Every structure is written in C-alpha cells, then in structure tokens.
C-alpha cells in the first residue's frame, strides 16, 4: 500500500437468506430501463458485465445510474410457501366411550351407587384407560357420576325428588319458548320435525330405551334450536342428560310407556301446526312431567 493513499471503504452488499426469502437480481431485465437503453448496455446487466482489473475502482462493477434500480440491492419477492396440508382428524375414541357409557347408564347396566374404575371399564370396552377416564370426567361434570378418590367413579343415585326438580326446570324453560315459537313460525317449519318424531316412535315400538332416549333428545334439541338461542339449547341439553339416569330400584319403562311418550311428540306437532296454543301447553306440560315414563 502506498503511504498516504486512503483505502476505499468496503461496499456493503445485500445479504442473501440461506433458505427462502427474496433473491437479489444479478442481471436481466428489471422493467425500469430508460429510453433507448437495453439491459445488456447497462453495467451489471445482461451478458456484458464490466471488466474488473487492477486499475478498476472497487465500485466500478456496481456502477449505479440515478433513477435506475441498483442490481446489487434490488430484490424480487420469493414464491409464497405452499399452504400446509390439512391433516385428517382422528376419530375420537373418547367420544365413542362417552356414548357407550351414557347408553350403559340409561340401560341400567352401570348400577347407581356402585364404583367403577377406569382400568376395569377400559378392559370392558377394549380401549386404554385414558379415554375412559376422560369420558367419566365429562359425566361427572354432568352429574351422572361422582369422583371416588383413589377408587374410580361412583354412579350417581337419582331420587324421585331429583327427577321432579329437573322436570320443573325443564318446564320453566321449554314451555314459554315453545309458546313463543307457536305464535311466529309457519306450519312448514314444524313439519320439518316429523322425521325426528317418527324416529322416536320406531325406537319405542321396539322397546329400545336407549334409542328412544336419543330420539327424544334429538327432537327437543331441534325444537329449541328454532329459537336461535344457543345458550338455551345448551342448558336444556344438559338437563335432558341428567334425567336419563333412572331412579335406583325403579323398574325400567315398558314398551307401552315409551310409545305413549313418543306419541306425544307427534301430537305436539299437530297442535303447533294448528296453532292450538292451549293444547300445545297441555301436551308439553304432561310430556315433561316427572311421572312420565321413558324420560
């Protein structure tokens, strides 16, 4: 180095990401050429780069003209990353176990007052203990079972007073909502519920207590869903589930009892379509009475 000659400051060059990101343009047409210019005629473009020799200033290869993008710092957007592929959802084993436990509770196969451990029920249903334990915790939140520390879960013992109180709350919620709907909805909306009522009659005719309980729940759920009030539907669903656990020691409902309850769904729809409000209230009150078998 000659004494007194200052070294030129090193030019900062744009960094290129190792992966992804944008890539610097090192040549080619940029879409910003001036009049009469061709990319090959400008420094650093096309196939004619400036020669670099010992007497060439360090910045000569990156000579920049005013109004023309600098090829050393010009960037183009990198292609967008492909959207992540949606993974298929796994079937809920816990949901299957929960449905099986509810069926066993309705059928009286899980005896009120008895304690059942998650591992023992897991062997019964051919699954691991984890989904059984999770399903039982959900049933505990619904009041169907109680947690027995270090033992498992005790099936709740429903009393006649419990069922009477649950029926009273259901009447307080469902009947006023039903009467409001009866005064506003056209007849064709009620006709849409006919298949649900028919499903209940079919299950009752076969003496299928669990099938009728499911059909009864579906009918009342669809009925209240017409209000558009999701909170009302959620509360009513919870109350309905609590009524499915039978009173300990009471005989199971007969086929005739199930058919009588199922036929009330059809009669209720007939009264709603005819706008017979007094008959609607009477049928709904009897249907939701604590003494009604099949609920």
Foldseek 3Di string as FASTA:
>chain_A
DDPPDDDDDDDDFDDDDPDFWWDFAQEDDDPQDDPPDDRCVDARYDPNHDDDDPPDPPCPSQDDDPRDDGSRPDIDGTDDDDDDDDDDDDDDPLVVLLLVVLLCQLVCVQPAFDFDALCVVCVVVVHHSVSSLVSVVVCVVLVQWPADPPGHIGGHADDLVNLQVLLVVLLVQQLVLLLVCLVPDALVVLVVLVVLLVQLLVCLQVVNLSSNLVSVLVSSLSSNVVSVDPVSSVVSSSSSSVNSRDHHPDDADGSVLSNVLSVLSVVLSVCSNVSVSVVNSVSSSVSSHSPRHSD
